[in-house]
Protein backbone atom coordinates (compact mmCIF):
# COMPACT_ATOMS: atom_id res chain seq x y z
CA MET A 1 3.66 -7.30 14.10
CA LEU A 2 2.22 -7.18 10.75
CA TRP A 3 0.17 -3.95 11.47
CA TYR A 4 3.52 -2.21 12.30
CA ALA A 5 5.00 -3.71 9.01
CA ALA A 6 2.16 -2.48 7.01
CA PHE A 7 2.53 1.17 8.14
CA MET A 8 6.29 0.97 7.58
CA ILE A 9 5.86 -0.38 4.14
CA GLY A 10 3.77 2.63 3.38
CA LEU A 11 5.99 5.15 5.05
CA MET A 12 9.16 3.99 3.38
CA GLY A 13 7.54 3.05 0.05
CA SER A 14 5.89 6.41 -0.42
CA ALA A 15 9.30 7.87 -1.77
CA HIS A 16 9.20 5.06 -4.47
CA CYS A 17 5.75 6.23 -5.46
CA LEU A 18 6.68 9.84 -5.69
CA GLY A 19 7.47 9.25 -9.46
CA MET A 20 3.83 8.62 -10.32
CA CYS A 21 1.81 10.00 -7.51
CA GLY A 22 3.94 12.97 -6.62
CA PRO A 23 3.11 15.09 -9.68
CA ILE A 24 -0.56 14.18 -9.30
CA ALA A 25 -0.55 15.40 -5.66
CA PHE A 26 1.29 18.45 -6.47
CA ALA A 27 -1.13 19.32 -9.42
CA LEU A 28 -4.48 18.55 -7.61
CA PRO A 29 -7.25 21.08 -8.43
CA VAL A 30 -7.29 22.53 -4.91
CA ARG A 31 -7.78 26.21 -5.97
CA THR A 32 -7.61 27.97 -2.71
CA SER A 33 -5.13 30.18 -0.97
CA ASP A 34 -6.45 29.38 2.66
CA ARG A 35 -3.77 27.02 4.01
CA ARG A 36 -6.18 25.25 6.32
CA ILE A 37 -8.70 24.56 3.51
CA ARG A 38 -5.70 23.25 1.44
CA VAL A 39 -4.75 20.93 4.16
CA LEU A 40 -8.22 19.69 4.48
CA LYS A 41 -8.64 19.03 0.80
CA TYR A 42 -5.31 17.18 0.53
CA LEU A 43 -6.38 15.13 3.38
CA LEU A 44 -9.78 14.43 1.73
CA TYR A 45 -7.76 13.27 -1.45
CA ASN A 46 -5.58 11.05 0.72
CA ALA A 47 -8.71 9.61 2.54
CA GLY A 48 -9.87 8.47 -0.97
CA ARG A 49 -6.56 6.77 -1.51
CA VAL A 50 -6.74 4.91 1.81
CA ALA A 51 -10.39 4.00 1.36
CA THR A 52 -9.47 2.21 -2.06
CA TYR A 53 -6.50 0.48 -0.46
CA GLY A 54 -9.00 -0.71 2.27
CA ALA A 55 -11.25 -1.96 -0.30
CA LEU A 56 -8.52 -3.84 -2.16
CA GLY A 57 -7.46 -5.35 1.17
CA LEU A 58 -10.87 -6.54 1.75
CA LEU A 59 -10.60 -8.56 -1.34
CA THR A 60 -7.21 -9.95 -0.72
CA GLY A 61 -8.26 -10.68 2.83
CA LEU A 62 -11.26 -12.75 1.48
CA VAL A 63 -8.75 -14.78 -0.62
CA GLY A 64 -6.35 -15.06 2.41
CA GLN A 65 -9.40 -16.39 4.52
CA GLY A 66 -10.25 -18.94 1.88
CA LEU A 67 -6.65 -20.05 1.71
CA ALA A 68 -6.52 -20.25 5.49
CA ILE A 69 -9.55 -22.43 5.41
CA ALA A 70 -7.90 -24.66 2.93
CA GLY A 71 -4.79 -24.87 5.22
CA LEU A 72 -2.53 -22.85 2.85
CA GLN A 73 -2.17 -19.67 4.72
CA GLN A 74 1.22 -20.40 6.01
CA THR A 75 2.40 -21.30 2.68
CA VAL A 76 1.08 -18.22 1.16
CA SER A 77 2.89 -16.29 4.01
CA ILE A 78 6.27 -17.88 3.25
CA VAL A 79 5.89 -17.35 -0.64
CA ALA A 80 4.98 -13.72 -0.12
CA GLY A 81 7.99 -13.16 1.98
CA LEU A 82 10.39 -14.94 -0.64
CA LEU A 83 8.94 -12.82 -3.43
CA ILE A 84 9.69 -9.61 -1.50
CA ILE A 85 13.27 -10.73 -0.76
CA ALA A 86 13.65 -11.69 -4.53
CA SER A 87 12.46 -8.25 -5.51
CA VAL A 88 15.05 -6.69 -3.15
CA VAL A 89 17.87 -9.07 -4.15
CA LEU A 90 17.47 -8.78 -7.87
CA MET A 91 17.05 -5.02 -7.65
CA GLN A 92 13.91 -5.45 -9.73
CA ASP A 93 10.33 -4.24 -9.25
CA VAL A 94 8.90 -7.91 -9.33
CA PHE A 95 5.53 -6.66 -8.16
CA GLY A 96 5.35 -3.72 -10.45
CA ARG A 97 5.85 -6.12 -13.39
CA MET A 98 3.30 -8.58 -12.14
CA SER A 99 0.84 -5.88 -11.61
CA GLY A 100 1.61 -4.32 -14.96
CA ASN A 101 1.13 -7.52 -16.95
CA MET A 102 -2.11 -8.55 -14.89
CA LEU A 103 -3.77 -5.12 -14.58
CA GLY A 104 -2.19 -2.79 -17.19
CA GLY A 105 -5.63 -2.68 -18.92
CA ILE A 106 -7.14 -0.76 -16.07
CA GLN A 107 -4.76 2.30 -16.74
CA LYS A 108 -6.49 3.85 -19.60
CA PRO A 109 -10.03 4.14 -18.07
CA VAL A 110 -8.59 5.36 -14.72
CA ARG A 111 -6.56 8.05 -16.57
CA ARG A 112 -9.58 9.21 -18.49
CA ALA A 113 -11.38 9.50 -15.27
CA PHE A 114 -8.59 11.35 -13.87
CA GLN A 115 -8.70 13.79 -16.55
CA THR A 116 -12.44 14.47 -16.18
CA TYR A 117 -12.24 15.03 -12.42
CA PHE A 118 -9.12 17.20 -12.61
CA ARG A 119 -11.23 19.81 -14.46
CA LYS A 120 -13.82 20.00 -11.78
CA SER A 121 -13.59 22.06 -8.48
CA GLY A 122 -14.88 21.40 -5.04
CA TRP A 123 -14.47 18.82 -2.35
CA SER A 124 -15.91 15.59 -3.86
CA PRO A 125 -13.87 15.50 -6.87
CA LEU A 126 -10.78 15.44 -4.80
CA PHE A 127 -12.06 12.44 -3.03
CA VAL A 128 -12.83 10.73 -6.28
CA LEU A 129 -9.32 11.44 -7.44
CA GLY A 130 -7.88 9.89 -4.38
CA LEU A 131 -10.18 6.80 -4.93
CA LEU A 132 -8.82 6.58 -8.58
CA ASN A 133 -5.18 7.11 -7.56
CA GLY A 134 -5.45 3.93 -5.50
CA LEU A 135 -6.30 1.92 -8.45
CA LEU A 136 -3.21 3.06 -10.47
CA PRO A 137 -0.84 0.04 -10.90
CA CYS A 138 1.95 0.36 -8.48
CA GLY A 139 4.62 -2.23 -7.47
CA MET A 140 4.49 -0.97 -3.82
CA VAL A 141 0.83 -1.22 -3.44
CA TYR A 142 0.81 -4.83 -4.90
CA MET A 143 3.60 -5.87 -2.69
CA ALA A 144 1.42 -4.76 0.32
CA LEU A 145 -1.41 -6.55 -1.33
CA VAL A 146 0.53 -9.74 -1.59
CA ALA A 147 1.68 -9.37 2.15
CA SER A 148 -1.87 -8.59 3.11
CA LEU A 149 -2.85 -12.22 2.07
CA ALA A 150 -1.22 -13.40 5.32
CA ALA A 151 -3.54 -11.12 7.52
CA GLY A 152 -6.03 -14.02 7.81
CA ASP A 153 -9.55 -12.57 7.03
CA MET A 154 -11.27 -9.68 5.23
CA LEU A 155 -11.32 -7.14 7.97
CA SER A 156 -7.69 -7.83 8.81
CA GLY A 157 -6.82 -7.63 5.00
CA ALA A 158 -8.55 -4.32 4.90
CA GLY A 159 -6.95 -2.89 8.19
CA PHE A 160 -3.52 -3.92 6.79
CA MET A 161 -3.84 -1.99 3.52
CA MET A 162 -5.49 0.95 5.26
CA LEU A 163 -2.39 1.12 7.52
CA PHE A 164 -0.18 0.93 4.48
CA GLY A 165 -2.22 3.79 2.92
CA LEU A 166 -1.73 5.97 6.17
CA GLY A 167 2.01 5.48 5.93
CA THR A 168 2.03 7.05 2.44
CA VAL A 169 0.11 10.12 3.69
CA PRO A 170 2.94 12.01 5.36
CA MET A 171 5.04 12.09 2.23
CA MET A 172 2.15 12.78 -0.11
CA LEU A 173 0.91 15.61 1.94
CA THR A 174 4.32 17.10 2.12
CA VAL A 175 4.63 17.07 -1.58
CA SER A 176 1.23 18.41 -1.94
CA LEU A 177 1.73 21.64 0.38
CA MET A 178 5.51 22.01 -0.48
CA GLY A 179 6.08 20.81 -3.92
CA THR A 180 9.56 19.26 -4.46
CA MET A 181 11.40 21.42 -2.08
CA LEU A 182 11.99 18.32 0.26
CA SER A 183 11.29 15.46 -2.06
CA LEU A 184 15.00 14.88 -3.42
CA LYS A 185 16.49 14.61 0.03
CA MET A 186 13.58 12.62 1.59
CA ARG A 187 13.46 10.44 -1.43
CA SER A 188 17.14 9.62 -1.15
CA LEU A 189 16.76 8.77 2.53
CA PHE A 190 13.71 6.67 2.06
CA HIS A 191 15.13 4.89 -0.93
CA LYS A 192 18.21 3.72 1.13
CA ALA A 193 15.84 2.50 4.02
CA MET A 194 13.25 0.85 1.81
CA PRO A 195 15.15 -2.38 1.10
CA TYR A 196 15.89 -3.06 4.71
CA VAL A 197 12.31 -2.35 5.60
CA ALA A 198 11.09 -4.70 2.84
CA CYS A 199 13.46 -7.59 4.03
CA VAL A 200 12.14 -7.07 7.66
CA VAL A 201 8.73 -7.45 6.37
CA ALA A 202 9.74 -10.43 4.27
CA VAL A 203 11.29 -12.15 7.45
CA LEU A 204 8.20 -11.53 9.50
CA LEU A 205 5.91 -13.15 6.79
CA ILE A 206 8.33 -16.12 6.49
CA VAL A 207 8.59 -16.59 10.16
CA ARG A 208 4.97 -16.30 10.55
CA GLY A 209 4.48 -19.04 7.97
CA LEU A 210 6.90 -21.31 9.91
CA ASN A 211 4.40 -21.85 12.78
CA MET A 212 7.23 -21.29 15.28
CA ASN A 213 5.07 -20.57 18.42
CA ILE A 214 6.23 -17.01 18.88
CA PRO A 215 3.48 -14.80 20.32
CA TYR A 216 2.36 -12.10 17.83
CA VAL A 217 5.21 -12.97 15.43
CA SER A 218 4.62 -16.49 14.55
CA PRO A 219 1.75 -17.97 16.59
CA GLU A 220 1.33 -21.59 16.63
CA ASN A 221 -1.75 -22.92 14.72
CA LYS A 222 -2.39 -26.51 15.62
CA SER A 223 -6.20 -26.23 15.41
CA GLY A 224 -6.30 -25.10 11.81
CA LYS A 225 -8.22 -21.97 12.72
CA ILE A 226 -7.49 -18.83 10.84
CA THR A 227 -4.60 -16.82 12.33
CA GLN A 228 -5.30 -13.17 12.23
CA CYS A 229 -3.07 -10.29 11.74
CA HIS A 230 -1.47 -8.74 14.81
């Protein structure tokens, strides 16, 4: 179930990310009038973002694997769910504040690199820009990273984050190709749905951590082995 949750976080959360990532996606140095080439270049850019999310998921998956070995995976899953609910109930970007405080220093070098690659043309700069975009501090990304701790191992953590990234692609691709024509309406719809999706994900994480012997949702873990993401 967490696999589906990862994609839905990305799909619904992409409207939240339009404020920072939308202008970047719209202003990418594609420099071609061929629509097919434009689509391919925008997809390459998004592939870079997904690759970065996957790499970050490997790291959180490694941490989650260590916590699982220590017998703390279920506790982490419950805490992650509670944090997500707190973010929704308090109507505050808890994860955005956490990431801003901890990782704010990464913004300057990433922005300088953005400026460098925005001046270049070709295919590879677009992929690099996507990689860099994935490093920009974002509350939705860090909410997904916290949730990915419950995945159970490195590969599951990477898969969780890549599915999250794939969920953001439809909105980002639409903004890139069509500008802001659809963004206001879509953003309103997605903003309304996002708190409900976040709460569903939070409940899944909490139930998963309660060891309730529900197949795929909260598999029982008597042996102490790592329970992988499903």
